[in-house]
Every structure is written in structure tokens, then in C-alpha cells.
Full PDB file with SEQRES, HELIX, SHEET, SSBOND, CRYST1, ORIGX, SCALE, CONECT and MASTER records, all heavy atoms in Angstrom:
SEQRES   1 A   32  ASP ALA ALA ARG PRO CYS LEU ALA ARG SER GLU LEU ALA          
SEQRES   2 A   32  ALA VAL ILE GLU HIS GLY LEU GLU HIS SER ALA GLY ALA          
SEQRES   3 A   32  LEU LEU ALA LEU PRO VAL                                      
HELIX    1 AA1 ARG A    9  GLU A   21  1                                  13    
CRYST1    1.000    1.000    1.000  90.00  90.00  90.00 P 1           1          
ORIGX1      1.000000  0.000000  0.000000        0.00000                         
ORIGX2      0.000000  1.000000  0.000000        0.00000                         
ORIGX3      0.000000  0.000000  1.000000        0.00000                         
SCALE1      1.000000  0.000000  0.000000        0.00000                         
SCALE2      0.000000  1.000000  0.000000        0.00000                         
SCALE3      0.000000  0.000000  1.000000        0.00000                         
ATOM      1  N   ASP A   1      20.788 -46.953  11.847  1.00  0.00           N  
ATOM      2  CA  ASP A   1      20.830 -47.199  13.283  1.00  0.00           C  
ATOM      3  C   ASP A   1      19.441 -47.087  13.896  1.00  0.00           C  
ATOM      4  O   ASP A   1      18.691 -46.148  13.583  1.00  0.00           O  
ATOM      5  CB  ASP A   1      21.746 -46.185  13.979  1.00  0.00           C  
ATOM      6  CG  ASP A   1      23.208 -46.362  13.620  1.00  0.00           C  
ATOM      7  OD1 ASP A   1      23.625 -47.511  13.384  1.00  0.00           O  
ATOM      8  OD2 ASP A   1      23.935 -45.348  13.572  1.00  0.00           O  
ATOM      9  N   ALA A   2      19.125 -47.992  14.806  1.00  0.00           N  
ATOM     10  CA  ALA A   2      17.837 -47.939  15.504  1.00  0.00           C  
ATOM     11  C   ALA A   2      17.705 -46.675  16.342  1.00  0.00           C  
ATOM     12  O   ALA A   2      16.597 -46.187  16.582  1.00  0.00           O  
ATOM     13  CB  ALA A   2      17.681 -49.166  16.394  1.00  0.00           C  
ATOM     14  N   ALA A   3      18.841 -46.137  16.790  1.00  0.00           N  
ATOM     15  CA  ALA A   3      18.835 -44.987  17.701  1.00  0.00           C  
ATOM     16  C   ALA A   3      19.127 -43.670  16.990  1.00  0.00           C  
ATOM     17  O   ALA A   3      19.644 -42.735  17.598  1.00  0.00           O  
ATOM     18  CB  ALA A   3      19.829 -45.208  18.830  1.00  0.00           C  
ATOM     19  N   ARG A   4      18.792 -43.591  15.688  1.00  0.00           N  
ATOM     20  CA  ARG A   4      18.897 -42.317  14.955  1.00  0.00           C  
ATOM     21  C   ARG A   4      17.506 -41.912  14.461  1.00  0.00           C  
ATOM     22  O   ARG A   4      17.162 -42.091  13.297  1.00  0.00           O  
ATOM     23  CB  ARG A   4      19.855 -42.440  13.766  1.00  0.00           C  
ATOM     24  CG  ARG A   4      21.322 -42.468  14.136  1.00  0.00           C  
ATOM     25  CD  ARG A   4      22.208 -42.295  12.914  1.00  0.00           C  
ATOM     26  NE  ARG A   4      23.589 -42.593  13.196  1.00  0.00           N  
ATOM     27  CZ  ARG A   4      24.470 -41.701  13.660  1.00  0.00           C  
ATOM     28  NH1 ARG A   4      24.098 -40.438  13.847  1.00  0.00           N  
ATOM     29  NH2 ARG A   4      25.717 -42.050  13.905  1.00  0.00           N  
ATOM     30  N   PRO A   5      16.700 -41.345  15.349  1.00  0.00           N  
ATOM     31  CA  PRO A   5      15.320 -41.017  14.981  1.00  0.00           C  
ATOM     32  C   PRO A   5      15.165 -39.728  14.184  1.00  0.00           C  
ATOM     33  O   PRO A   5      14.086 -39.469  13.643  1.00  0.00           O  
ATOM     34  CB  PRO A   5      14.631 -40.881  16.341  1.00  0.00           C  
ATOM     35  CG  PRO A   5      15.724 -40.359  17.241  1.00  0.00           C  
ATOM     36  CD  PRO A   5      16.977 -41.056  16.769  1.00  0.00           C  
ATOM     37  N   CYS A   6      16.225 -38.921  14.090  1.00  0.00           N  
ATOM     38  CA  CYS A   6      16.108 -37.587  13.499  1.00  0.00           C  
ATOM     39  C   CYS A   6      16.638 -37.526  12.065  1.00  0.00           C  
ATOM     40  O   CYS A   6      17.183 -36.504  11.639  1.00  0.00           O  
ATOM     41  CB  CYS A   6      16.826 -36.561  14.375  1.00  0.00           C  
ATOM     42  SG  CYS A   6      16.131 -36.409  16.031  1.00  0.00           S  
ATOM     43  N   LEU A   7      16.472 -38.586  11.325  1.00  0.00           N  
ATOM     44  CA  LEU A   7      16.885 -38.615   9.923  1.00  0.00           C  
ATOM     45  C   LEU A   7      15.922 -37.779   9.086  1.00  0.00           C  
ATOM     46  O   LEU A   7      14.710 -37.987   9.118  1.00  0.00           O  
ATOM     47  CB  LEU A   7      16.884 -40.059   9.422  1.00  0.00           C  
ATOM     48  CG  LEU A   7      17.096 -40.278   7.933  1.00  0.00           C  
ATOM     49  CD1 LEU A   7      18.500 -39.857   7.514  1.00  0.00           C  
ATOM     50  CD2 LEU A   7      16.833 -41.737   7.577  1.00  0.00           C  
ATOM     51  N   ALA A   8      16.467 -36.835   8.330  1.00  0.00           N  
ATOM     52  CA  ALA A   8      15.638 -35.982   7.469  1.00  0.00           C  
ATOM     53  C   ALA A   8      15.343 -36.672   6.141  1.00  0.00           C  
ATOM     54  O   ALA A   8      16.155 -37.454   5.641  1.00  0.00           O  
ATOM     55  CB  ALA A   8      16.344 -34.648   7.214  1.00  0.00           C  
ATOM     56  N   ARG A   9      14.189 -36.365   5.581  1.00  0.00           N  
ATOM     57  CA  ARG A   9      13.787 -36.952   4.302  1.00  0.00           C  
ATOM     58  C   ARG A   9      14.817 -36.661   3.210  1.00  0.00           C  
ATOM     59  O   ARG A   9      15.140 -37.526   2.394  1.00  0.00           O  
ATOM     60  CB  ARG A   9      12.427 -36.387   3.890  1.00  0.00           C  
ATOM     61  CG  ARG A   9      11.812 -37.062   2.669  1.00  0.00           C  
ATOM     62  CD  ARG A   9      10.671 -36.220   2.105  1.00  0.00           C  
ATOM     63  NE  ARG A   9       9.626 -36.001   3.079  1.00  0.00           N  
ATOM     64  CZ  ARG A   9       8.525 -36.746   3.184  1.00  0.00           C  
ATOM     65  NH1 ARG A   9       8.344 -37.772   2.376  1.00  0.00           N  
ATOM     66  NH2 ARG A   9       7.599 -36.465   4.093  1.00  0.00           N  
ATOM     67  N   SER A  10      15.358 -35.447   3.181  1.00  0.00           N  
ATOM     68  CA  SER A  10      16.318 -35.078   2.143  1.00  0.00           C  
ATOM     69  C   SER A  10      17.627 -35.851   2.284  1.00  0.00           C  
ATOM     70  O   SER A  10      18.263 -36.202   1.283  1.00  0.00           O  
ATOM     71  CB  SER A  10      16.597 -33.575   2.186  1.00  0.00           C  
ATOM     72  OG  SER A  10      17.087 -33.179   3.460  1.00  0.00           O  
ATOM     73  N   GLU A  11      18.064 -36.118   3.515  1.00  0.00           N  
ATOM     74  CA  GLU A  11      19.262 -36.930   3.735  1.00  0.00           C  
ATOM     75  C   GLU A  11      19.065 -38.335   3.175  1.00  0.00           C  
ATOM     76  O   GLU A  11      19.938 -38.881   2.483  1.00  0.00           O  
ATOM     77  CB  GLU A  11      19.552 -37.057   5.227  1.00  0.00           C  
ATOM     78  CG  GLU A  11      20.149 -35.867   5.915  1.00  0.00           C  
ATOM     79  CD  GLU A  11      20.392 -36.174   7.381  1.00  0.00           C  
ATOM     80  OE1 GLU A  11      19.418 -36.370   8.128  1.00  0.00           O  
ATOM     81  OE2 GLU A  11      21.568 -36.230   7.784  1.00  0.00           O  
ATOM     82  N   LEU A  12      17.932 -38.927   3.502  1.00  0.00           N  
ATOM     83  CA  LEU A  12      17.642 -40.283   3.044  1.00  0.00           C  
ATOM     84  C   LEU A  12      17.599 -40.344   1.528  1.00  0.00           C  
ATOM     85  O   LEU A  12      18.184 -41.244   0.912  1.00  0.00           O  
ATOM     86  CB  LEU A  12      16.312 -40.755   3.637  1.00  0.00           C  
ATOM     87  CG  LEU A  12      15.818 -42.130   3.205  1.00  0.00           C  
ATOM     88  CD1 LEU A  12      16.834 -43.212   3.553  1.00  0.00           C  
ATOM     89  CD2 LEU A  12      14.467 -42.430   3.849  1.00  0.00           C  
ATOM     90  N   ALA A  13      16.935 -39.373   0.917  1.00  0.00           N  
ATOM     91  CA  ALA A  13      16.835 -39.351  -0.544  1.00  0.00           C  
ATOM     92  C   ALA A  13      18.212 -39.255  -1.188  1.00  0.00           C  
ATOM     93  O   ALA A  13      18.505 -39.946  -2.171  1.00  0.00           O  
ATOM     94  CB  ALA A  13      15.957 -38.181  -0.988  1.00  0.00           C  
ATOM     95  N   ALA A  14      19.071 -38.415  -0.631  1.00  0.00           N  
ATOM     96  CA  ALA A  14      20.402 -38.205  -1.215  1.00  0.00           C  
ATOM     97  C   ALA A  14      21.270 -39.447  -1.109  1.00  0.00           C  
ATOM     98  O   ALA A  14      21.941 -39.845  -2.073  1.00  0.00           O  
ATOM     99  CB  ALA A  14      21.096 -37.022  -0.538  1.00  0.00           C  
ATOM    100  N   VAL A  15      21.273 -40.105   0.049  1.00  0.00           N  
ATOM    101  CA  VAL A  15      22.153 -41.265   0.212  1.00  0.00           C  
ATOM    102  C   VAL A  15      21.643 -42.454  -0.601  1.00  0.00           C  
ATOM    103  O   VAL A  15      22.437 -43.249  -1.126  1.00  0.00           O  
ATOM    104  CB  VAL A  15      22.337 -41.623   1.702  1.00  0.00           C  
ATOM    105  CG1 VAL A  15      21.105 -42.294   2.294  1.00  0.00           C  
ATOM    106  CG2 VAL A  15      23.582 -42.488   1.887  1.00  0.00           C  
ATOM    107  N   ILE A  16      20.339 -42.588  -0.757  1.00  0.00           N  
ATOM    108  CA  ILE A  16      19.813 -43.654  -1.615  1.00  0.00           C  
ATOM    109  C   ILE A  16      20.208 -43.401  -3.064  1.00  0.00           C  
ATOM    110  O   ILE A  16      20.663 -44.312  -3.769  1.00  0.00           O  
ATOM    111  CB  ILE A  16      18.284 -43.777  -1.470  1.00  0.00           C  
ATOM    112  CG1 ILE A  16      17.923 -44.356  -0.101  1.00  0.00           C  
ATOM    113  CG2 ILE A  16      17.706 -44.663  -2.577  1.00  0.00           C  
ATOM    114  CD1 ILE A  16      16.431 -44.461   0.156  1.00  0.00           C  
ATOM    115  N   GLU A  17      20.066 -42.164  -3.504  1.00  0.00           N  
ATOM    116  CA  GLU A  17      20.416 -41.826  -4.885  1.00  0.00           C  
ATOM    117  C   GLU A  17      21.878 -42.176  -5.178  1.00  0.00           C  
ATOM    118  O   GLU A  17      22.179 -42.834  -6.182  1.00  0.00           O  
ATOM    119  CB  GLU A  17      20.163 -40.346  -5.140  1.00  0.00           C  
ATOM    120  CG  GLU A  17      20.524 -39.900  -6.547  1.00  0.00           C  
ATOM    121  CD  GLU A  17      20.249 -38.419  -6.778  1.00  0.00           C  
ATOM    122  OE1 GLU A  17      19.589 -37.798  -5.928  1.00  0.00           O  
ATOM    123  OE2 GLU A  17      20.716 -37.909  -7.793  1.00  0.00           O  
ATOM    124  N   HIS A  18      22.778 -41.763  -4.296  1.00  0.00           N  
ATOM    125  CA  HIS A  18      24.201 -42.030  -4.516  1.00  0.00           C  
ATOM    126  C   HIS A  18      24.518 -43.515  -4.343  1.00  0.00           C  
ATOM    127  O   HIS A  18      25.375 -44.058  -5.055  1.00  0.00           O  
ATOM    128  CB  HIS A  18      25.050 -41.192  -3.572  1.00  0.00           C  
ATOM    129  CG  HIS A  18      25.120 -39.739  -3.955  1.00  0.00           C  
ATOM    130  ND1 HIS A  18      25.844 -39.301  -5.041  1.00  0.00           N  
ATOM    131  CD2 HIS A  18      24.544 -38.637  -3.398  1.00  0.00           C  
ATOM    132  CE1 HIS A  18      25.726 -37.981  -5.142  1.00  0.00           C  
ATOM    133  NE2 HIS A  18      24.942 -37.560  -4.159  1.00  0.00           N  
ATOM    134  N   GLY A  19      23.849 -44.166  -3.406  1.00  0.00           N  
ATOM    135  CA  GLY A  19      24.102 -45.577  -3.186  1.00  0.00           C  
ATOM    136  C   GLY A  19      23.698 -46.449  -4.356  1.00  0.00           C  
ATOM    137  O   GLY A  19      24.343 -47.458  -4.643  1.00  0.00           O  
ATOM    138  N   LEU A  20      22.643 -46.053  -5.051  1.00  0.00           N  
ATOM    139  CA  LEU A  20      22.201 -46.809  -6.222  1.00  0.00           C  
ATOM    140  C   LEU A  20      23.086 -46.530  -7.434  1.00  0.00           C  
ATOM    141  O   LEU A  20      23.240 -47.395  -8.304  1.00  0.00           O  
ATOM    142  CB  LEU A  20      20.745 -46.465  -6.555  1.00  0.00           C  
ATOM    143  CG  LEU A  20      19.696 -46.833  -5.496  1.00  0.00           C  
ATOM    144  CD1 LEU A  20      18.305 -46.481  -6.001  1.00  0.00           C  
ATOM    145  CD2 LEU A  20      19.759 -48.302  -5.127  1.00  0.00           C  
ATOM    146  N   GLU A  21      23.666 -45.353  -7.497  1.00  0.00           N  
ATOM    147  CA  GLU A  21      24.485 -44.970  -8.652  1.00  0.00           C  
ATOM    148  C   GLU A  21      25.928 -45.463  -8.544  1.00  0.00           C  
ATOM    149  O   GLU A  21      26.566 -45.744  -9.553  1.00  0.00           O  
ATOM    150  CB  GLU A  21      24.498 -43.443  -8.801  1.00  0.00           C  
ATOM    151  CG  GLU A  21      23.175 -42.842  -9.252  1.00  0.00           C  
ATOM    152  CD  GLU A  21      23.248 -41.337  -9.358  1.00  0.00           C  
ATOM    153  OE1 GLU A  21      24.268 -40.757  -8.908  1.00  0.00           O  
ATOM    154  OE2 GLU A  21      22.294 -40.739  -9.879  1.00  0.00           O  
ATOM    155  N   HIS A  22      26.446 -45.552  -7.324  1.00  0.00           N  
ATOM    156  CA  HIS A  22      27.867 -45.841  -7.125  1.00  0.00           C  
ATOM    157  C   HIS A  22      28.044 -47.319  -6.795  1.00  0.00           C  
ATOM    158  O   HIS A  22      27.410 -47.851  -5.874  1.00  0.00           O  
ATOM    159  CB  HIS A  22      28.407 -44.966  -5.996  1.00  0.00           C  
ATOM    160  CG  HIS A  22      29.885 -45.009  -5.831  1.00  0.00           C  
ATOM    161  ND1 HIS A  22      30.773 -44.923  -6.878  1.00  0.00           N  
ATOM    162  CD2 HIS A  22      30.657 -45.145  -4.714  1.00  0.00           C  
ATOM    163  CE1 HIS A  22      32.007 -44.988  -6.421  1.00  0.00           C  
ATOM    164  NE2 HIS A  22      31.959 -45.133  -5.105  1.00  0.00           N  
ATOM    165  N   SER A  23      28.923 -48.000  -7.491  1.00  0.00           N  
ATOM    166  CA  SER A  23      29.076 -49.446  -7.324  1.00  0.00           C  
ATOM    167  C   SER A  23      29.547 -49.853  -5.934  1.00  0.00           C  
ATOM    168  O   SER A  23      29.287 -50.970  -5.488  1.00  0.00           O  
ATOM    169  CB  SER A  23      30.055 -49.989  -8.374  1.00  0.00           C  
ATOM    170  OG  SER A  23      31.338 -49.388  -8.229  1.00  0.00           O  
ATOM    171  N   ALA A  24      30.250 -48.957  -5.239  1.00  0.00           N  
ATOM    172  CA  ALA A  24      30.726 -49.257  -3.886  1.00  0.00           C  
ATOM    173  C   ALA A  24      29.785 -48.734  -2.810  1.00  0.00           C  
ATOM    174  O   ALA A  24      30.088 -48.802  -1.621  1.00  0.00           O  
ATOM    175  CB  ALA A  24      32.121 -48.678  -3.673  1.00  0.00           C  
ATOM    176  N   GLY A  25      28.618 -48.226  -3.216  1.00  0.00           N  
ATOM    177  CA  GLY A  25      27.639 -47.751  -2.250  1.00  0.00           C  
ATOM    178  C   GLY A  25      27.928 -46.361  -1.736  1.00  0.00           C  
ATOM    179  O   GLY A  25      28.807 -45.650  -2.244  1.00  0.00           O  
ATOM    180  N   ALA A  26      27.189 -45.957  -0.708  1.00  0.00           N  
ATOM    181  CA  ALA A  26      27.298 -44.607  -0.166  1.00  0.00           C  
ATOM    182  C   ALA A  26      26.864 -44.592   1.293  1.00  0.00           C  
ATOM    183  O   ALA A  26      26.102 -45.451   1.740  1.00  0.00           O  
ATOM    184  CB  ALA A  26      26.449 -43.643  -0.977  1.00  0.00           C  
ATOM    185  N   LEU A  27      27.351 -43.595   2.016  1.00  0.00           N  
ATOM    186  CA  LEU A  27      26.952 -43.419   3.405  1.00  0.00           C  
ATOM    187  C   LEU A  27      26.829 -41.943   3.719  1.00  0.00           C  
ATOM    188  O   LEU A  27      27.550 -41.113   3.151  1.00  0.00           O  
ATOM    189  CB  LEU A  27      27.964 -44.051   4.357  1.00  0.00           C  
ATOM    190  CG  LEU A  27      29.367 -43.444   4.426  1.00  0.00           C  
ATOM    191  CD1 LEU A  27      29.958 -43.636   5.834  1.00  0.00           C  
ATOM    192  CD2 LEU A  27      30.293 -44.085   3.405  1.00  0.00           C  
ATOM    193  N   LEU A  28      25.906 -41.619   4.612  1.00  0.00           N  
ATOM    194  CA  LEU A  28      25.849 -40.260   5.141  1.00  0.00           C  
ATOM    195  C   LEU A  28      27.031 -40.046   6.077  1.00  0.00           C  
ATOM    196  O   LEU A  28      27.416 -40.948   6.832  1.00  0.00           O  
ATOM    197  CB  LEU A  28      24.552 -40.033   5.908  1.00  0.00           C  
ATOM    198  CG  LEU A  28      23.258 -39.929   5.103  1.00  0.00           C  
ATOM    199  CD1 LEU A  28      22.083 -39.688   6.045  1.00  0.00           C  
ATOM    200  CD2 LEU A  28      23.340 -38.822   4.063  1.00  0.00           C  
ATOM    201  N   ALA A  29      27.605 -38.863   6.036  1.00  0.00           N  
ATOM    202  CA  ALA A  29      28.767 -38.557   6.880  1.00  0.00           C  
ATOM    203  C   ALA A  29      28.889 -37.051   7.047  1.00  0.00           C  
ATOM    204  O   ALA A  29      28.283 -36.273   6.301  1.00  0.00           O  
ATOM    205  CB  ALA A  29      30.045 -39.129   6.267  1.00  0.00           C  
ATOM    206  N   LEU A  30      29.692 -36.654   8.024  1.00  0.00           N  
ATOM    207  CA  LEU A  30      29.960 -35.241   8.290  1.00  0.00           C  
ATOM    208  C   LEU A  30      31.467 -35.016   8.405  1.00  0.00           C  
ATOM    209  O   LEU A  30      32.152 -35.804   9.077  1.00  0.00           O  
ATOM    210  CB  LEU A  30      29.305 -34.803   9.603  1.00  0.00           C  
ATOM    211  CG  LEU A  30      27.794 -34.611   9.619  1.00  0.00           C  
ATOM    212  CD1 LEU A  30      27.323 -34.417  11.055  1.00  0.00           C  
ATOM    213  CD2 LEU A  30      27.398 -33.412   8.766  1.00  0.00           C  
ATOM    214  N   PRO A  31      31.993 -33.964   7.789  1.00  0.00           N  
ATOM    215  CA  PRO A  31      33.406 -33.628   8.035  1.00  0.00           C  
ATOM    216  C   PRO A  31      33.618 -33.342   9.517  1.00  0.00           C  
ATOM    217  O   PRO A  31      32.786 -32.685  10.153  1.00  0.00           O  
ATOM    218  CB  PRO A  31      33.622 -32.368   7.190  1.00  0.00           C  
ATOM    219  CG  PRO A  31      32.493 -32.334   6.219  1.00  0.00           C  
ATOM    220  CD  PRO A  31      31.335 -32.999   6.896  1.00  0.00           C  
ATOM    221  N   VAL A  32      34.692 -33.836  10.077  1.00  0.00           N  
ATOM    222  CA  VAL A  32      34.968 -33.605  11.495  1.00  0.00           C  
ATOM    223  C   VAL A  32      35.250 -32.115  11.712  1.00  0.00           C  
ATOM    224  O   VAL A  32      36.123 -31.536  11.055  1.00  0.00           O  
ATOM    225  CB  VAL A  32      36.159 -34.455  11.967  1.00  0.00           C  
ATOM    226  CG1 VAL A  32      36.588 -34.058  13.377  1.00  0.00           C  
ATOM    227  CG2 VAL A  32      35.791 -35.935  11.918  1.00  0.00           C  
TER     228      VAL A  32                                                      
MASTER        0    0    0    1    0    0    0    6  227    1    0    3          
END                                                                             
């Protein structure tokens, strides 16, 4: 999102790692 300026480096690294490994991709999320 253009309006999410507070993305942490560790979050980005984790979602890229999982997205490359998993055939259906990955997304950052939070339990409600």
C-alpha cells in the first residue's frame, strides 16, 4: 500500500521469504 510508510525491514524480509517458498504466495497479517 502507498499509505503504509511504517513497514519494518524484518516484516518485509519475512513475507518475501514465505512468498517465494509457498506456491500460493504470502501476505503480512495480524490476528484480530
